[in-house]
Amino acid sequence: METTSERLKGRVALVFGAGAAGEGWGNGKAAAVAYARHGAKVVAVDRDAALAQATSDLIRGEGFAAQAVAADVTAYDQVQHAVGVALESYGHVDILHNNVGITSQGGPVETTEETWDRVMTVNVKSMFLTCKAVLPLMEAQRRGAIVNIGALGGVRWTGYAYCAYAASKGAVNSLTQSVALQYAAKGIRANCILPGVMDTPHIYNQISGFYQSTEEMVAARHRLSPTGRMGDGWDVANAAVFLASDEARYINGVELLVDGGMHVRCN
């Protein structure tokens, strides 16, 4: 997926969760590269400095502008540091992309309080903190696009018992809509992408525990999609580029399902 354009020329994209959790293309890594290929200067942020640097190096290797930042998105001072690097490097922030998220297995009985709190902190509080840091900048320039990565699991059952994850992604939808409406008249848009079953490095680390083998997991997830196959990080990245671009200038507060039609099925 090496399509390039200038549809984001002059924009600066701050991507939280820009590293991949293993070999291949995660949603955040693909989004960071896609933003760059369409003209944006990218600040790639990840808790793991090496992963952030790898994404930045890849972007630079293709001849585009990028900076790497190591930051824990659940700590406001570190979020502010990442924003500061973006301002120091490029002068402004036009696109805020929130990709950080974790899953946890189990329903209400199996899930511990500690796990519940951790999932809510990483998946929801992180987006609150990044919005808190970036929205004043966007308001001052009267321009900005926020792209939050939610999940199909935030609006319907997907076959996995992970109540904390589902609840957190439902909260992401509400947070996105709240920001979208509060700042709509100030030139700022906020939208949410809801991926379905995706083939990314993340699933091999956090979802494989539901299955006896990797092969069983992959086959089962392919079957969940009406298309007969999982999507991938580029499906999410391409949607993100669209939502961040002027082509989506009148699209605000939406939950864009990127799931091959899985949300329409009742089984």
Protein backbone atom coordinates (compact mmCIF):
# COMPACT_ATOMS: atom_id res chain seq x y z
CA MET A 1 0.00 0.00 0.00
CA GLU A 2 2.35 2.72 -1.27
CA THR A 3 -0.15 5.27 -2.58
CA THR A 4 1.14 8.82 -2.17
CA SER A 5 -0.45 12.22 -2.58
CA GLU A 6 -0.32 15.75 -1.23
CA ARG A 7 -3.77 15.67 0.35
CA LEU A 8 -2.19 16.29 3.81
CA LYS A 9 0.54 18.64 2.61
CA GLY A 10 1.49 21.20 5.24
CA ARG A 11 -0.13 19.22 8.07
CA VAL A 12 1.58 17.85 11.15
CA ALA A 13 0.32 14.51 12.48
CA LEU A 14 0.94 13.53 16.09
CA VAL A 15 0.47 9.76 16.27
CA PHE A 16 0.27 8.12 19.68
CA GLY A 17 0.87 4.38 19.52
CA ALA A 18 2.93 4.55 16.32
CA GLY A 19 5.00 1.47 17.03
CA ALA A 20 4.02 -2.07 16.09
CA ALA A 21 3.84 -4.76 18.78
CA GLY A 22 5.72 -7.24 16.58
CA GLU A 23 6.67 -7.97 12.99
CA GLY A 24 4.33 -6.51 10.40
CA TRP A 25 1.98 -3.56 10.28
CA GLY A 26 0.00 -2.49 13.30
CA ASN A 27 -2.76 0.08 12.98
CA GLY A 28 -0.66 2.88 14.46
CA LYS A 29 2.48 2.19 12.46
CA ALA A 30 0.52 1.96 9.21
CA ALA A 31 -1.35 5.19 10.02
CA ALA A 32 1.88 7.08 10.74
CA VAL A 33 3.41 5.96 7.45
CA ALA A 34 0.19 6.65 5.54
CA TYR A 35 -0.01 10.20 6.91
CA ALA A 36 3.57 10.79 5.76
CA ARG A 37 2.96 9.33 2.32
CA HIS A 38 0.08 11.75 1.87
CA GLY A 39 2.15 14.80 2.73
CA ALA A 40 2.05 15.19 6.52
CA LYS A 41 5.04 15.62 8.78
CA VAL A 42 4.78 12.95 11.46
CA VAL A 43 5.66 12.75 15.13
CA ALA A 44 5.66 9.04 15.97
CA VAL A 45 5.05 8.41 19.67
CA ASP A 46 5.31 5.11 21.49
CA ARG A 47 6.08 4.03 25.03
CA ASP A 48 8.90 1.93 23.58
CA ALA A 49 11.53 4.29 22.20
CA ALA A 50 12.86 1.67 19.79
CA LEU A 51 9.43 1.10 18.24
CA ALA A 52 8.82 4.83 17.83
CA GLN A 53 12.26 5.20 16.25
CA ALA A 54 11.68 2.28 13.89
CA THR A 55 8.52 3.91 12.53
CA SER A 56 10.24 7.28 12.23
CA ASP A 57 13.22 5.72 10.45
CA LEU A 58 10.91 3.97 8.02
CA ILE A 59 9.18 7.24 7.18
CA ARG A 60 12.46 9.08 6.77
CA GLY A 61 13.80 6.24 4.66
CA GLU A 62 11.00 6.92 2.21
CA GLY A 63 12.03 10.56 2.02
CA PHE A 64 9.40 12.06 4.33
CA ALA A 65 9.68 14.07 7.54
CA ALA A 66 9.32 12.38 10.92
CA GLN A 67 10.39 12.60 14.55
CA ALA A 68 10.33 9.84 17.17
CA VAL A 69 9.25 10.37 20.77
CA ALA A 70 9.17 7.94 23.68
CA ALA A 71 6.22 8.69 25.95
CA ASP A 72 3.73 6.91 28.18
CA VAL A 73 0.36 8.17 27.01
CA THR A 74 -1.16 7.62 30.46
CA ALA A 75 1.15 10.22 32.03
CA TYR A 76 0.16 13.82 31.26
CA ASP A 77 3.68 15.23 31.61
CA GLN A 78 4.91 12.76 29.00
CA VAL A 79 2.00 13.58 26.69
CA GLN A 80 2.91 17.25 27.03
CA HIS A 81 6.51 16.38 26.20
CA ALA A 82 5.43 14.71 22.96
CA VAL A 83 3.32 17.72 22.04
CA GLY A 84 6.31 19.94 22.81
CA VAL A 85 8.51 17.95 20.44
CA ALA A 86 5.91 18.38 17.69
CA LEU A 87 5.79 22.13 18.25
CA GLU A 88 9.55 22.48 18.44
CA SER A 89 10.06 20.39 15.32
CA TYR A 90 7.24 21.58 13.10
CA GLY A 91 5.48 24.51 14.78
CA HIS A 92 1.94 23.17 15.02
CA VAL A 93 -0.26 20.09 15.35
CA ASP A 94 -3.05 19.55 12.82
CA ILE A 95 -3.84 15.86 13.25
CA LEU A 96 -4.09 14.02 16.56
CA HIS A 97 -4.20 10.26 16.10
CA ASN A 98 -4.93 8.12 19.18
CA ASN A 99 -4.10 4.47 18.60
CA VAL A 100 -2.98 3.23 22.03
CA GLY A 101 -5.08 0.39 23.44
CA ILE A 102 -4.90 -2.91 25.28
CA THR A 103 -7.26 -5.85 25.66
CA SER A 104 -8.04 -8.07 28.62
CA GLN A 105 -9.75 -11.44 28.71
CA GLY A 106 -12.74 -12.18 30.89
CA GLY A 107 -16.19 -11.02 31.91
CA PRO A 108 -17.10 -9.13 35.09
CA VAL A 109 -16.46 -12.13 37.35
CA GLU A 110 -13.07 -13.03 35.93
CA THR A 111 -11.77 -9.48 35.50
CA THR A 112 -9.93 -8.03 38.49
CA GLU A 113 -10.37 -4.45 39.64
CA GLU A 114 -6.74 -3.81 38.81
CA THR A 115 -7.22 -5.05 35.25
CA TRP A 116 -10.39 -3.00 34.82
CA ASP A 117 -8.62 0.16 36.00
CA ARG A 118 -5.60 -0.49 33.80
CA VAL A 119 -7.70 -0.99 30.66
CA MET A 120 -9.71 2.16 31.34
CA THR A 121 -6.55 4.16 31.97
CA VAL A 122 -4.75 3.01 28.84
CA ASN A 123 -7.73 2.99 26.48
CA VAL A 124 -9.77 5.99 27.64
CA LYS A 125 -7.81 8.24 29.98
CA SER A 126 -4.98 8.34 27.45
CA MET A 127 -7.27 9.91 24.84
CA PHE A 128 -8.59 12.37 27.39
CA LEU A 129 -5.01 13.41 28.17
CA THR A 130 -3.94 13.83 24.55
CA CYS A 131 -7.07 15.85 23.77
CA LYS A 132 -6.44 17.96 26.86
CA ALA A 133 -2.94 18.78 25.62
CA VAL A 134 -3.69 19.29 21.92
CA LEU A 135 -7.13 20.92 21.79
CA PRO A 136 -5.92 24.37 22.98
CA LEU A 137 -3.42 24.40 20.10
CA MET A 138 -6.05 23.43 17.57
CA GLU A 139 -8.50 25.95 18.99
CA ALA A 140 -5.92 28.74 18.67
CA GLN A 141 -5.27 27.90 15.01
CA ARG A 142 -8.98 27.14 14.42
CA ARG A 143 -8.13 23.95 12.61
CA GLY A 144 -7.62 20.34 13.57
CA ALA A 145 -8.67 16.74 13.06
CA ILE A 146 -8.74 14.11 15.79
CA VAL A 147 -8.85 10.44 14.82
CA ASN A 148 -9.49 8.03 17.69
CA ILE A 149 -9.17 4.29 17.21
CA GLY A 150 -12.05 2.50 18.90
CA ALA A 151 -13.26 -1.01 18.12
CA LEU A 152 -16.25 -2.89 16.82
CA GLY A 153 -16.32 -4.45 20.29
CA GLY A 154 -17.36 -1.08 21.66
CA VAL A 155 -20.75 -1.29 19.94
CA ARG A 156 -21.51 -5.01 19.71
CA TRP A 157 -20.47 -8.49 20.83
CA THR A 158 -17.71 -9.88 18.62
CA GLY A 159 -17.32 -13.36 20.04
CA TYR A 160 -14.83 -12.61 22.80
CA ALA A 161 -15.51 -12.14 26.52
CA TYR A 162 -13.52 -9.05 27.43
CA CYS A 163 -15.88 -6.73 29.23
CA ALA A 164 -13.31 -4.11 30.29
CA TYR A 165 -12.08 -3.70 26.72
CA ALA A 166 -15.61 -3.45 25.33
CA ALA A 167 -16.62 -0.89 27.96
CA SER A 168 -13.51 1.17 27.36
CA LYS A 169 -14.08 1.28 23.61
CA GLY A 170 -17.70 2.31 24.16
CA ALA A 171 -16.36 5.17 26.27
CA VAL A 172 -14.01 6.16 23.44
CA ASN A 173 -17.04 6.60 21.18
CA SER A 174 -18.75 8.90 23.67
CA LEU A 175 -15.58 10.90 24.32
CA THR A 176 -15.11 11.38 20.59
CA GLN A 177 -18.67 12.62 20.10
CA SER A 178 -18.41 14.98 23.06
CA VAL A 179 -15.24 16.58 21.69
CA ALA A 180 -16.69 16.69 18.18
CA LEU A 181 -19.74 18.68 19.22
CA GLN A 182 -18.01 20.98 21.69
CA TYR A 183 -15.39 22.08 19.15
CA ALA A 184 -17.30 21.82 15.87
CA ALA A 185 -17.73 25.58 15.53
CA LYS A 186 -14.01 26.10 16.13
CA GLY A 187 -12.79 24.30 13.04
CA ILE A 188 -11.98 21.06 14.85
CA ARG A 189 -13.37 17.65 13.93
CA ALA A 190 -13.21 14.44 15.96
CA ASN A 191 -14.07 11.04 14.55
CA CYS A 192 -13.64 7.45 15.62
CA ILE A 193 -12.58 4.42 13.57
CA LEU A 194 -13.99 1.08 14.72
CA PRO A 195 -11.90 -1.78 13.32
CA GLY A 196 -13.38 -5.25 13.26
CA VAL A 197 -11.24 -8.40 13.21
CA MET A 198 -7.83 -7.23 12.01
CA ASP A 199 -4.63 -9.12 11.24
CA THR A 200 -2.07 -7.05 13.14
CA PRO A 201 0.85 -7.95 15.45
CA HIS A 202 -1.36 -7.03 18.41
CA ILE A 203 -3.62 -10.08 18.07
CA TYR A 204 -0.76 -12.55 18.36
CA ASN A 205 0.23 -11.06 21.71
CA GLN A 206 -3.11 -10.35 23.38
CA ILE A 207 -5.86 -12.42 21.77
CA SER A 208 -4.11 -15.73 21.08
CA GLY A 209 -4.92 -16.95 24.61
CA PHE A 210 -8.47 -17.73 23.49
CA TYR A 211 -7.19 -20.48 21.16
CA GLN A 212 -5.13 -23.66 21.23
CA SER A 213 -2.82 -22.48 18.43
CA THR A 214 -2.01 -19.48 16.28
CA GLU A 215 -3.38 -21.29 13.24
CA GLU A 216 -6.69 -21.89 15.00
CA MET A 217 -6.90 -18.23 15.97
CA VAL A 218 -6.20 -16.95 12.47
CA ALA A 219 -8.72 -19.32 10.89
CA ALA A 220 -11.41 -18.46 13.43
CA ARG A 221 -10.93 -14.73 12.97
CA HIS A 222 -11.09 -15.05 9.19
CA ARG A 223 -14.42 -16.86 9.60
CA LEU A 224 -15.83 -14.03 11.74
CA SER A 225 -15.67 -11.62 8.82
CA PRO A 226 -18.39 -11.71 6.13
CA THR A 227 -15.57 -11.28 3.61
CA GLY A 228 -13.90 -14.48 4.79
CA ARG A 229 -10.74 -12.68 5.81
CA MET A 230 -9.49 -10.27 8.42
CA GLY A 231 -8.64 -6.70 7.56
CA ASP A 232 -5.21 -5.24 8.27
CA GLY A 233 -3.49 -2.10 9.49
CA TRP A 234 -3.68 -0.46 6.08
CA ASP A 235 -7.47 -0.65 6.05
CA VAL A 236 -7.47 1.41 9.24
CA ALA A 237 -4.69 3.71 8.00
CA ASN A 238 -6.49 4.56 4.77
CA ALA A 239 -9.65 5.41 6.69
CA ALA A 240 -7.59 7.61 9.02
CA VAL A 241 -6.05 9.54 6.13
CA PHE A 242 -9.50 10.21 4.73
CA LEU A 243 -10.91 11.41 8.07
CA ALA A 244 -7.89 13.67 8.63
CA SER A 245 -8.10 15.21 5.16
CA ASP A 246 -10.20 18.06 3.82
CA GLU A 247 -12.19 15.49 1.87
CA ALA A 248 -13.86 14.71 5.21
CA ARG A 249 -14.31 18.37 6.17
CA TYR A 250 -18.04 17.90 6.88
CA ILE A 251 -17.68 14.59 8.66
CA ASN A 252 -17.67 15.01 12.42
CA GLY A 253 -18.53 12.81 15.40
CA VAL A 254 -18.89 9.63 13.36
CA GLU A 255 -18.07 6.03 14.22
CA LEU A 256 -16.57 4.70 10.99
CA LEU A 257 -16.79 0.92 10.97
CA VAL A 258 -13.88 -0.74 9.18
CA ASP A 259 -14.95 -4.33 9.59
CA GLY A 260 -15.89 -5.87 6.24
CA GLY A 261 -19.56 -5.63 7.18
CA MET A 262 -19.25 -7.64 10.39
CA HIS A 263 -21.41 -5.17 12.35
CA VAL A 264 -24.42 -6.01 10.16
CA ARG A 265 -24.40 -9.69 11.07
CA CYS A 266 -26.38 -10.98 14.02
CA ASN A 267 -24.18 -14.01 14.69
